[in-house]
Structures are given as C-alpha cells and as structure tokens.
Amino acid sequence: MWAAHALTLSRIPLALAFWVTYGDLRWSLGIVALAALTDAADGWVARRAEARTGRHTTTGEWLDPLCDKLFVVAALAAVVAHERPPAAIVALIAARELLITPLGIVYRIVLAFHPMPHEFRASPLGKATTVTQFLAMLALLAAPIALLPLAMLAALLGVAAVTQYVVRAVHLSHVRL
C-alpha cells in the first residue's frame, strides 16, 4: 500500500513544483499531466497490492481525494496569482471544492457527535470531475478555446459528484438507524 500512498502524496510536491515553474508552459503542462497520471495510477497500485496481500486499508479512501483537492486548489491559485483569469472560470473549475469543503467539515463534526458508518471512497463521478478539472487547467494554460466548455463540464460533474456524496452519506446514516 505504501507505493499507492506515495503516488497519492506526490501530488503535494507536484503542486509546489507547479508554483515554482509557473510561466514555463512545458513544465506547467508536464506537471499537470504527471499529477493526472499519479491520480490514475494510485488506485490501480492500491488494488493490486490489496489483491496480492489480502489486506485492505481505508487510508487511500480519504488521502486520494484530499491530495486531489490540494493539487487542484494550489494549481488554480498559482494561475490566479500569475494570470488573473476571470473569477467565474476559476469558480466553475473549483465548484466541487467550493461545495464539498464546507459540507465535509459539517459531516466530520456530525460524525464526531453521532458516530455512524461512513465511506470516503471516491466515486467514478468524482474521478471524472478530477480529470475534467485537470483538463480545464491545461486549457487555462494552453487552449483557451476549450476552457469554457471544460470549466462548465467540471462544474456540472463537480455538482453531480457532491450530490452523489451527500446522497451516499444520507443513505449510510439511515442504515445506522
């Protein structure tokens, strides 16, 4: 499992590298592409390790989405700091994070006072949102013609993913009752 977690955690230094190398389009594009590859690879590596060892941990279930969010927010912050793109575009790309962060805080507080089954595992819809966010960031850097459609798709998928997470949390809370 350590290899999967290392791939997941690599998105944090990649976000820092994105800040440091910002302005060199090749580096920026390469770092976003590498972050996307680590996001795709970490789950695959974790599933193979689990199949090989028979051990399951839930660490990746919360660590992967957390590192995704840290990378997306840090990379978007770098773009905003350097380029000043329209706030609406940034909000569309970050829609999921803008919605899920306060909901996640409330959910964790509720869990602290009312322990119940929970599941933080990313859904395919959440993964599709992350991929679309990465593509929108690439468009922000290099393909302005694709930016608005990708930003809108990221927002649409992000809102759908948040809705799915809320429905799953409500369902799990009712299972407990």
N, C-alpha and C. Protein backbone atom coordinates (compact mmCIF):
# COMPACT_ATOMS: atom_id res chain seq x y z
N MET A 1 0.81 -1.20 0.00
CA MET A 1 0.00 0.00 0.00
C MET A 1 0.86 1.26 0.00
N TRP A 2 2.07 1.15 0.52
CA TRP A 2 2.91 2.35 0.64
C TRP A 2 3.16 2.98 -0.73
N ALA A 3 3.29 2.17 -1.79
CA ALA A 3 3.54 2.72 -3.12
C ALA A 3 2.34 3.53 -3.60
N ALA A 4 1.13 3.04 -3.34
CA ALA A 4 -0.07 3.79 -3.73
C ALA A 4 -0.15 5.11 -2.97
N HIS A 5 0.15 5.06 -1.68
CA HIS A 5 0.10 6.29 -0.88
C HIS A 5 1.19 7.27 -1.32
N ALA A 6 2.35 6.75 -1.70
CA ALA A 6 3.42 7.63 -2.19
C ALA A 6 2.99 8.32 -3.48
N LEU A 7 2.34 7.58 -4.38
CA LEU A 7 1.83 8.19 -5.61
C LEU A 7 0.81 9.28 -5.29
N THR A 8 -0.08 8.99 -4.36
CA THR A 8 -1.10 9.96 -3.97
C THR A 8 -0.44 11.21 -3.39
N LEU A 9 0.46 11.01 -2.44
CA LEU A 9 1.12 12.14 -1.77
C LEU A 9 2.02 12.94 -2.70
N SER A 10 2.44 12.32 -3.81
CA SER A 10 3.32 13.04 -4.74
C SER A 10 2.64 14.27 -5.34
N ARG A 11 1.31 14.32 -5.30
CA ARG A 11 0.62 15.49 -5.85
C ARG A 11 0.87 16.75 -5.02
N ILE A 12 1.26 16.60 -3.78
CA ILE A 12 1.56 17.78 -2.95
C ILE A 12 2.85 18.46 -3.44
N PRO A 13 3.98 17.73 -3.55
CA PRO A 13 5.17 18.40 -4.11
C PRO A 13 4.97 18.81 -5.58
N LEU A 14 4.12 18.08 -6.31
CA LEU A 14 3.84 18.50 -7.69
C LEU A 14 3.14 19.85 -7.71
N ALA A 15 2.27 20.09 -6.75
CA ALA A 15 1.61 21.41 -6.67
C ALA A 15 2.64 22.50 -6.40
N LEU A 16 3.58 22.21 -5.53
CA LEU A 16 4.65 23.17 -5.25
C LEU A 16 5.50 23.39 -6.50
N ALA A 17 5.83 22.31 -7.20
CA ALA A 17 6.61 22.42 -8.43
C ALA A 17 5.86 23.24 -9.48
N PHE A 18 4.55 23.11 -9.51
CA PHE A 18 3.74 23.90 -10.44
C PHE A 18 3.92 25.39 -10.15
N TRP A 19 3.89 25.76 -8.89
CA TRP A 19 4.11 27.17 -8.49
C TRP A 19 5.49 27.64 -8.90
N VAL A 20 6.50 26.83 -8.60
CA VAL A 20 7.89 27.22 -8.84
C VAL A 20 8.19 27.37 -10.33
N THR A 21 7.64 26.50 -11.14
CA THR A 21 7.96 26.51 -12.57
C THR A 21 6.94 27.28 -13.40
N TYR A 22 5.96 27.88 -12.75
CA TYR A 22 4.90 28.56 -13.49
C TYR A 22 5.50 29.62 -14.41
N GLY A 23 4.97 29.68 -15.61
CA GLY A 23 5.49 30.61 -16.61
C GLY A 23 6.16 29.87 -17.75
N ASP A 24 6.67 28.68 -17.46
CA ASP A 24 7.22 27.83 -18.50
C ASP A 24 6.13 26.82 -18.84
N LEU A 25 5.48 27.04 -19.96
CA LEU A 25 4.31 26.26 -20.34
C LEU A 25 4.60 24.76 -20.38
N ARG A 26 5.76 24.37 -20.87
CA ARG A 26 6.09 22.94 -20.94
C ARG A 26 6.11 22.32 -19.56
N TRP A 27 6.73 23.00 -18.60
CA TRP A 27 6.77 22.49 -17.23
C TRP A 27 5.38 22.43 -16.63
N SER A 28 4.60 23.49 -16.80
CA SER A 28 3.25 23.51 -16.24
C SER A 28 2.39 22.38 -16.79
N LEU A 29 2.42 22.22 -18.10
CA LEU A 29 1.64 21.15 -18.72
C LEU A 29 2.13 19.77 -18.26
N GLY A 30 3.44 19.62 -18.20
CA GLY A 30 4.01 18.35 -17.75
C GLY A 30 3.64 18.01 -16.32
N ILE A 31 3.64 19.00 -15.46
CA ILE A 31 3.31 18.75 -14.05
C ILE A 31 1.84 18.39 -13.89
N VAL A 32 0.96 19.08 -14.61
CA VAL A 32 -0.46 18.73 -14.54
C VAL A 32 -0.67 17.32 -15.10
N ALA A 33 -0.01 16.99 -16.20
CA ALA A 33 -0.12 15.65 -16.77
C ALA A 33 0.41 14.59 -15.79
N LEU A 34 1.53 14.88 -15.13
CA LEU A 34 2.08 13.94 -14.16
C LEU A 34 1.14 13.77 -12.97
N ALA A 35 0.53 14.86 -12.51
CA ALA A 35 -0.44 14.76 -11.41
C ALA A 35 -1.61 13.89 -11.82
N ALA A 36 -2.08 14.05 -13.05
CA ALA A 36 -3.18 13.22 -13.55
C ALA A 36 -2.77 11.75 -13.61
N LEU A 37 -1.55 11.49 -14.04
CA LEU A 37 -1.06 10.10 -14.09
C LEU A 37 -0.98 9.49 -12.70
N THR A 38 -0.48 10.26 -11.72
CA THR A 38 -0.40 9.71 -10.35
C THR A 38 -1.80 9.44 -9.81
N ASP A 39 -2.76 10.28 -10.20
CA ASP A 39 -4.14 10.09 -9.75
C ASP A 39 -4.71 8.81 -10.34
N ALA A 40 -4.40 8.53 -11.59
CA ALA A 40 -4.88 7.31 -12.22
C ALA A 40 -4.15 6.08 -11.67
N ALA A 41 -2.87 6.22 -11.42
CA ALA A 41 -2.06 5.07 -11.02
C ALA A 41 -2.24 4.66 -9.57
N ASP A 42 -2.50 5.60 -8.67
CA ASP A 42 -2.53 5.24 -7.25
C ASP A 42 -3.61 4.21 -6.93
N GLY A 43 -4.79 4.35 -7.51
CA GLY A 43 -5.86 3.37 -7.27
C GLY A 43 -5.52 2.01 -7.84
N TRP A 44 -4.94 2.01 -9.03
CA TRP A 44 -4.55 0.75 -9.66
C TRP A 44 -3.51 0.03 -8.80
N VAL A 45 -2.51 0.78 -8.33
CA VAL A 45 -1.46 0.19 -7.49
C VAL A 45 -2.06 -0.33 -6.18
N ALA A 46 -2.97 0.44 -5.59
CA ALA A 46 -3.60 0.02 -4.33
C ALA A 46 -4.40 -1.26 -4.50
N ARG A 47 -5.17 -1.34 -5.58
CA ARG A 47 -5.97 -2.55 -5.82
C ARG A 47 -5.09 -3.77 -6.05
N ARG A 48 -3.99 -3.59 -6.75
CA ARG A 48 -3.06 -4.72 -6.96
C ARG A 48 -2.42 -5.15 -5.64
N ALA A 49 -2.03 -4.19 -4.82
CA ALA A 49 -1.43 -4.52 -3.51
C ALA A 49 -2.44 -5.24 -2.63
N GLU A 50 -3.68 -4.77 -2.67
CA GLU A 50 -4.73 -5.40 -1.86
C GLU A 50 -4.98 -6.84 -2.33
N ALA A 51 -5.01 -7.04 -3.63
CA ALA A 51 -5.22 -8.39 -4.17
C ALA A 51 -4.06 -9.31 -3.81
N ARG A 52 -2.84 -8.75 -3.83
CA ARG A 52 -1.64 -9.55 -3.54
C ARG A 52 -1.55 -9.90 -2.05
N THR A 53 -1.85 -8.95 -1.17
CA THR A 53 -1.67 -9.17 0.26
C THR A 53 -2.94 -9.59 0.98
N GLY A 54 -4.09 -9.28 0.38
CA GLY A 54 -5.35 -9.59 1.04
C GLY A 54 -5.71 -8.59 2.14
N ARG A 55 -4.90 -7.53 2.28
CA ARG A 55 -5.15 -6.51 3.31
C ARG A 55 -5.81 -5.30 2.68
N HIS A 56 -6.78 -4.76 3.38
CA HIS A 56 -7.48 -3.56 2.92
C HIS A 56 -7.32 -2.46 3.96
N THR A 57 -6.95 -1.27 3.50
CA THR A 57 -6.92 -0.12 4.39
C THR A 57 -7.81 0.96 3.80
N THR A 58 -8.28 1.83 4.66
CA THR A 58 -9.14 2.93 4.20
C THR A 58 -8.37 4.23 4.03
N THR A 59 -7.07 4.20 4.26
CA THR A 59 -6.27 5.43 4.18
C THR A 59 -6.40 6.08 2.81
N GLY A 60 -6.30 5.30 1.76
CA GLY A 60 -6.38 5.85 0.41
C GLY A 60 -7.73 6.46 0.09
N GLU A 61 -8.78 5.98 0.77
CA GLU A 61 -10.13 6.49 0.52
C GLU A 61 -10.26 7.97 0.87
N TRP A 62 -9.54 8.42 1.89
CA TRP A 62 -9.61 9.84 2.24
C TRP A 62 -8.38 10.60 1.75
N LEU A 63 -7.23 9.90 1.65
CA LEU A 63 -6.00 10.57 1.24
C LEU A 63 -6.03 10.99 -0.23
N ASP A 64 -6.54 10.13 -1.10
CA ASP A 64 -6.58 10.43 -2.53
C ASP A 64 -7.43 11.67 -2.82
N PRO A 65 -8.68 11.75 -2.37
CA PRO A 65 -9.45 12.96 -2.66
C PRO A 65 -8.85 14.21 -2.02
N LEU A 66 -8.24 14.05 -0.84
CA LEU A 66 -7.61 15.21 -0.19
C LEU A 66 -6.46 15.74 -1.04
N CYS A 67 -5.59 14.85 -1.52
CA CYS A 67 -4.46 15.28 -2.35
C CYS A 67 -4.93 15.83 -3.69
N ASP A 68 -6.01 15.25 -4.25
CA ASP A 68 -6.58 15.81 -5.48
C ASP A 68 -6.99 17.26 -5.25
N LYS A 69 -7.71 17.48 -4.16
CA LYS A 69 -8.20 18.83 -3.86
C LYS A 69 -7.05 19.80 -3.60
N LEU A 70 -6.04 19.35 -2.87
CA LEU A 70 -4.89 20.21 -2.60
C LEU A 70 -4.19 20.59 -3.90
N PHE A 71 -4.02 19.63 -4.79
CA PHE A 71 -3.36 19.94 -6.06
C PHE A 71 -4.19 20.91 -6.89
N VAL A 72 -5.47 20.63 -7.04
CA VAL A 72 -6.34 21.49 -7.86
C VAL A 72 -6.36 22.91 -7.30
N VAL A 73 -6.56 23.04 -6.00
CA VAL A 73 -6.63 24.38 -5.39
C VAL A 73 -5.29 25.10 -5.52
N ALA A 74 -4.19 24.41 -5.25
CA ALA A 74 -2.87 25.05 -5.33
C ALA A 74 -2.55 25.45 -6.77
N ALA A 75 -2.85 24.59 -7.73
CA ALA A 75 -2.56 24.92 -9.13
C ALA A 75 -3.44 26.08 -9.59
N LEU A 76 -4.71 26.05 -9.22
CA LEU A 76 -5.59 27.17 -9.58
C LEU A 76 -5.13 28.46 -8.92
N ALA A 77 -4.68 28.39 -7.69
CA ALA A 77 -4.17 29.58 -7.00
C ALA A 77 -2.95 30.14 -7.72
N ALA A 78 -2.09 29.27 -8.21
CA ALA A 78 -0.91 29.73 -8.96
C ALA A 78 -1.33 30.44 -10.23
N VAL A 79 -2.30 29.87 -10.94
CA VAL A 79 -2.78 30.50 -12.17
C VAL A 79 -3.40 31.86 -11.85
N VAL A 80 -4.21 31.92 -10.81
CA VAL A 80 -4.86 33.18 -10.42
C VAL A 80 -3.80 34.22 -10.04
N ALA A 81 -2.80 33.79 -9.30
CA ALA A 81 -1.75 34.72 -8.87
C ALA A 81 -0.96 35.28 -10.04
N HIS A 82 -0.79 34.50 -11.08
CA HIS A 82 0.03 34.92 -12.21
C HIS A 82 -0.76 35.50 -13.39
N GLU A 83 -1.95 34.99 -13.64
CA GLU A 83 -2.66 35.33 -14.86
C GLU A 83 -3.92 36.17 -14.65
N ARG A 84 -4.52 36.09 -13.50
CA ARG A 84 -5.78 36.78 -13.21
C ARG A 84 -6.90 36.39 -14.20
N PRO A 85 -7.20 35.08 -14.30
CA PRO A 85 -8.30 34.68 -15.18
C PRO A 85 -9.64 35.14 -14.59
N PRO A 86 -10.69 35.13 -15.39
CA PRO A 86 -12.00 35.53 -14.86
C PRO A 86 -12.39 34.67 -13.66
N ALA A 87 -12.89 35.31 -12.63
CA ALA A 87 -13.27 34.60 -11.40
C ALA A 87 -14.32 33.52 -11.68
N ALA A 88 -15.21 33.79 -12.63
CA ALA A 88 -16.25 32.81 -12.95
C ALA A 88 -15.64 31.51 -13.47
N ILE A 89 -14.59 31.61 -14.26
CA ILE A 89 -13.93 30.40 -14.80
C ILE A 89 -13.30 29.61 -13.65
N VAL A 90 -12.61 30.31 -12.77
CA VAL A 90 -11.98 29.65 -11.62
C VAL A 90 -13.05 28.99 -10.75
N ALA A 91 -14.16 29.70 -10.51
CA ALA A 91 -15.24 29.14 -9.70
C ALA A 91 -15.85 27.90 -10.35
N LEU A 92 -15.98 27.91 -11.67
CA LEU A 92 -16.51 26.73 -12.36
C LEU A 92 -15.57 25.54 -12.20
N ILE A 93 -14.28 25.77 -12.38
CA ILE A 93 -13.31 24.68 -12.26
C ILE A 93 -13.27 24.15 -10.82
N ALA A 94 -13.39 25.03 -9.85
CA ALA A 94 -13.29 24.65 -8.44
C ALA A 94 -14.65 24.43 -7.78
N ALA A 95 -15.72 24.33 -8.56
CA ALA A 95 -17.07 24.21 -7.99
C ALA A 95 -17.19 23.08 -6.97
N ARG A 96 -16.65 21.92 -7.30
CA ARG A 96 -16.76 20.79 -6.36
C ARG A 96 -16.10 21.12 -5.03
N GLU A 97 -14.89 21.69 -5.10
CA GLU A 97 -14.18 22.02 -3.86
C GLU A 97 -14.91 23.09 -3.07
N LEU A 98 -15.48 24.05 -3.78
CA LEU A 98 -16.21 25.12 -3.11
C LEU A 98 -17.46 24.59 -2.39
N LEU A 99 -18.05 23.55 -2.94
CA LEU A 99 -19.25 22.96 -2.33
C LEU A 99 -18.91 21.91 -1.28
N ILE A 100 -17.96 21.05 -1.60
CA ILE A 100 -17.74 19.89 -0.74
C ILE A 100 -16.94 20.21 0.52
N THR A 101 -16.11 21.24 0.47
CA THR A 101 -15.30 21.55 1.65
C THR A 101 -16.16 21.90 2.86
N PRO A 102 -17.10 22.86 2.76
CA PRO A 102 -17.93 23.12 3.94
C PRO A 102 -18.82 21.94 4.31
N LEU A 103 -19.33 21.21 3.31
CA LEU A 103 -20.14 20.04 3.61
C LEU A 103 -19.31 18.97 4.32
N GLY A 104 -18.07 18.79 3.89
CA GLY A 104 -17.20 17.82 4.54
C GLY A 104 -16.90 18.18 5.98
N ILE A 105 -16.71 19.46 6.24
CA ILE A 105 -16.46 19.91 7.62
C ILE A 105 -17.68 19.60 8.49
N VAL A 106 -18.86 19.93 7.99
CA VAL A 106 -20.09 19.66 8.74
C VAL A 106 -20.24 18.15 8.97
N TYR A 107 -19.98 17.38 7.94
CA TYR A 107 -20.10 15.93 8.04
C TYR A 107 -19.16 15.36 9.10
N ARG A 108 -17.91 15.84 9.10
CA ARG A 108 -16.95 15.37 10.12
C ARG A 108 -17.40 15.76 11.53
N ILE A 109 -17.98 16.96 11.69
CA ILE A 109 -18.48 17.38 13.01
C ILE A 109 -19.63 16.47 13.43
N VAL A 110 -20.54 16.19 12.51
CA VAL A 110 -21.66 15.29 12.82
C VAL A 110 -21.14 13.92 13.21
N LEU A 111 -20.15 13.41 12.48
CA LEU A 111 -19.57 12.10 12.82
C LEU A 111 -18.95 12.09 14.21
N ALA A 112 -18.38 13.22 14.61
CA ALA A 112 -17.75 13.30 15.93
C ALA A 112 -18.78 13.14 17.05
N PHE A 113 -19.98 13.66 16.83
CA PHE A 113 -21.03 13.61 17.86
C PHE A 113 -21.99 12.43 17.68
N HIS A 114 -22.10 11.94 16.46
CA HIS A 114 -23.00 10.84 16.17
C HIS A 114 -22.29 9.83 15.27
N PRO A 115 -21.42 8.99 15.87
CA PRO A 115 -20.68 8.03 15.05
C PRO A 115 -21.64 7.16 14.23
N MET A 116 -21.29 7.00 12.97
CA MET A 116 -22.10 6.18 12.06
C MET A 116 -21.19 5.65 10.98
N PRO A 117 -21.67 4.66 10.24
CA PRO A 117 -20.85 4.17 9.13
C PRO A 117 -20.59 5.32 8.15
N HIS A 118 -19.42 5.33 7.58
CA HIS A 118 -19.11 6.36 6.59
C HIS A 118 -18.21 5.77 5.52
N GLU A 119 -18.22 6.45 4.40
CA GLU A 119 -17.44 5.98 3.26
C GLU A 119 -16.90 7.19 2.53
N PHE A 120 -15.59 7.31 2.48
CA PHE A 120 -14.97 8.46 1.82
C PHE A 120 -14.41 8.10 0.45
N ARG A 121 -14.60 6.88 0.04
CA ARG A 121 -14.07 6.40 -1.24
C ARG A 121 -14.57 7.28 -2.38
N ALA A 122 -13.66 7.60 -3.29
CA ALA A 122 -14.03 8.39 -4.46
C ALA A 122 -14.93 7.58 -5.38
N SER A 123 -15.87 8.24 -5.99
CA SER A 123 -16.75 7.58 -6.94
C SER A 123 -16.22 7.81 -8.35
N PRO A 124 -16.67 7.01 -9.31
CA PRO A 124 -16.28 7.28 -10.70
C PRO A 124 -16.65 8.70 -11.14
N LEU A 125 -17.76 9.21 -10.65
CA LEU A 125 -18.16 10.57 -10.98
C LEU A 125 -17.17 11.59 -10.39
N GLY A 126 -16.71 11.33 -9.17
CA GLY A 126 -15.70 12.20 -8.56
C GLY A 126 -14.38 12.15 -9.32
N LYS A 127 -14.00 10.94 -9.77
CA LYS A 127 -12.77 10.82 -10.56
C LYS A 127 -12.91 11.56 -11.89
N ALA A 128 -14.09 11.43 -12.52
CA ALA A 128 -14.33 12.15 -13.78
C ALA A 128 -14.23 13.65 -13.57
N THR A 129 -14.70 14.12 -12.42
CA THR A 129 -14.60 15.54 -12.10
C THR A 129 -13.13 15.96 -12.01
N THR A 130 -12.33 15.17 -11.31
CA THR A 130 -10.91 15.50 -11.16
C THR A 130 -10.22 15.54 -12.52
N VAL A 131 -10.48 14.55 -13.36
CA VAL A 131 -9.88 14.52 -14.70
C VAL A 131 -10.29 15.76 -15.47
N THR A 132 -11.55 16.13 -15.40
CA THR A 132 -12.04 17.30 -16.12
C THR A 132 -11.43 18.58 -15.56
N GLN A 133 -11.25 18.64 -14.24
CA GLN A 133 -10.57 19.79 -13.65
C GLN A 133 -9.14 19.90 -14.18
N PHE A 134 -8.44 18.78 -14.25
CA PHE A 134 -7.07 18.80 -14.77
C PHE A 134 -7.06 19.27 -16.23
N LEU A 135 -8.01 18.77 -17.02
CA LEU A 135 -8.10 19.19 -18.42
C LEU A 135 -8.43 20.68 -18.52
N ALA A 136 -9.31 21.16 -17.66
CA ALA A 136 -9.65 22.59 -17.67
C ALA A 136 -8.44 23.44 -17.29
N MET A 137 -7.62 22.95 -16.37
CA MET A 137 -6.41 23.69 -16.02
C MET A 137 -5.43 23.71 -17.19
N LEU A 138 -5.35 22.59 -17.91
CA LEU A 138 -4.50 22.58 -19.10
C LEU A 138 -5.03 23.58 -20.13
N ALA A 139 -6.34 23.63 -20.30
CA ALA A 139 -6.93 24.59 -21.24
C ALA A 139 -6.69 26.02 -20.78
N LEU A 140 -6.72 26.24 -19.48
CA LEU A 140 -6.44 27.56 -18.92
C LEU A 140 -5.04 28.01 -19.29
N LEU A 141 -4.13 27.06 -19.37
CA LEU A 141 -2.73 27.36 -19.69
C LEU A 141 -2.46 27.43 -21.20
N ALA A 142 -3.12 26.55 -21.96
CA ALA A 142 -2.66 26.40 -23.34
C ALA A 142 -3.75 26.35 -24.41
N ALA A 143 -4.99 26.18 -24.03
CA ALA A 143 -6.04 26.01 -25.05
C ALA A 143 -7.29 26.80 -24.68
N PRO A 144 -7.20 28.13 -24.76
CA PRO A 144 -8.32 28.96 -24.31
C PRO A 144 -9.65 28.64 -24.99
N ILE A 145 -9.62 28.13 -26.22
CA ILE A 145 -10.86 27.81 -26.92
C ILE A 145 -11.64 26.70 -26.22
N ALA A 146 -10.94 25.80 -25.55
CA ALA A 146 -11.58 24.68 -24.85
C ALA A 146 -11.90 25.02 -23.39
N LEU A 147 -11.46 26.18 -22.92
CA LEU A 147 -11.57 26.49 -21.50
C LEU A 147 -13.00 26.55 -21.00
N LEU A 148 -13.85 27.34 -21.60
CA LEU A 148 -15.22 27.49 -21.10
C LEU A 148 -15.98 26.17 -21.11
N PRO A 149 -15.97 25.39 -22.20
CA PRO A 149 -16.69 24.11 -22.14
C PRO A 149 -16.14 23.17 -21.06
N LEU A 150 -14.81 23.12 -20.90
CA LEU A 150 -14.23 22.24 -19.89
C LEU A 150 -14.53 22.74 -18.48
N ALA A 151 -14.48 24.05 -18.27
CA ALA A 151 -14.80 24.61 -16.95
C ALA A 151 -16.26 24.33 -16.60
N MET A 152 -17.15 24.48 -17.58
CA MET A 152 -18.56 24.21 -17.34
C MET A 152 -18.80 22.73 -17.06
N LEU A 153 -18.11 21.86 -17.79
CA LEU A 153 -18.23 20.43 -17.56
C LEU A 153 -17.69 20.06 -16.17
N ALA A 154 -16.56 20.67 -15.78
CA ALA A 154 -16.01 20.42 -14.45
C ALA A 154 -17.02 20.81 -13.37
N ALA A 155 -17.68 21.95 -13.56
CA ALA A 155 -18.68 22.40 -12.58
C ALA A 155 -19.86 21.45 -12.54
N LEU A 156 -20.35 21.06 -13.70
CA LEU A 156 -21.50 20.15 -13.77
C LEU A 156 -21.18 18.81 -13.12
N LEU A 157 -20.04 18.23 -13.49
CA LEU A 157 -19.64 16.96 -12.88
C LEU A 157 -19.38 17.13 -11.38
N GLY A 158 -18.78 18.26 -10.99
CA GLY A 158 -18.50 18.50 -9.58
C GLY A 158 -19.76 18.58 -8.75
N VAL A 159 -20.76 19.30 -9.24
CA VAL A 159 -22.03 19.40 -8.51
C VAL A 159 -22.70 18.02 -8.45
N ALA A 160 -22.66 17.28 -9.54
CA ALA A 160 -23.24 15.93 -9.53
C ALA A 160 -22.50 15.02 -8.55
N ALA A 161 -21.16 15.13 -8.49
CA ALA A 161 -20.38 14.32 -7.56
C ALA A 161 -20.71 14.67 -6.11
N VAL A 162 -20.81 15.97 -5.82
CA VAL A 162 -21.17 16.39 -4.47
C VAL A 162 -22.55 15.85 -4.11
N THR A 163 -23.48 15.95 -5.03
CA THR A 163 -24.83 15.43 -4.79
C THR A 163 -24.78 13.93 -4.50
N GLN A 164 -23.99 13.21 -5.27
CA GLN A 164 -23.85 11.77 -5.06
C GLN A 164 -23.25 11.48 -3.68
N TYR A 165 -22.24 12.24 -3.27
CA TYR A 165 -21.64 12.03 -1.95
C TYR A 165 -22.64 12.31 -0.84
N VAL A 166 -23.44 13.36 -1.00
CA VAL A 166 -24.45 13.70 0.02
C VAL A 166 -25.49 12.58 0.10
N VAL A 167 -25.96 12.11 -1.04
CA VAL A 167 -26.95 11.02 -1.05
C VAL A 167 -26.37 9.78 -0.39
N ARG A 168 -25.12 9.47 -0.68
CA ARG A 168 -24.47 8.30 -0.06
C ARG A 168 -24.36 8.47 1.45
N ALA A 169 -24.00 9.67 1.91
CA ALA A 169 -23.89 9.93 3.35
C ALA A 169 -25.24 9.82 4.04
N VAL A 170 -26.28 10.37 3.41
CA VAL A 170 -27.63 10.28 3.99
C VAL A 170 -28.08 8.83 4.04
N HIS A 171 -27.81 8.09 2.98
CA HIS A 171 -28.18 6.66 2.94
C HIS A 171 -27.46 5.91 4.07
N LEU A 172 -26.16 6.14 4.22
CA LEU A 172 -25.41 5.45 5.27
C LEU A 172 -25.90 5.84 6.66
N SER A 173 -26.32 7.08 6.84
CA SER A 173 -26.82 7.49 8.15
C SER A 173 -28.15 6.80 8.46
N HIS A 174 -28.95 6.54 7.44
CA HIS A 174 -30.22 5.84 7.64
C HIS A 174 -30.01 4.34 7.86
N VAL A 175 -28.94 3.80 7.30
CA VAL A 175 -28.63 2.38 7.51
C VAL A 175 -28.37 2.15 8.98
N ARG A 176 -27.74 3.12 9.65
CA ARG A 176 -27.39 3.02 11.06
C ARG A 176 -28.63 3.02 11.93
N LEU A 177 -29.64 3.76 11.53
CA LEU A 177 -30.84 3.92 12.37
C LEU A 177 -31.65 2.70 12.46
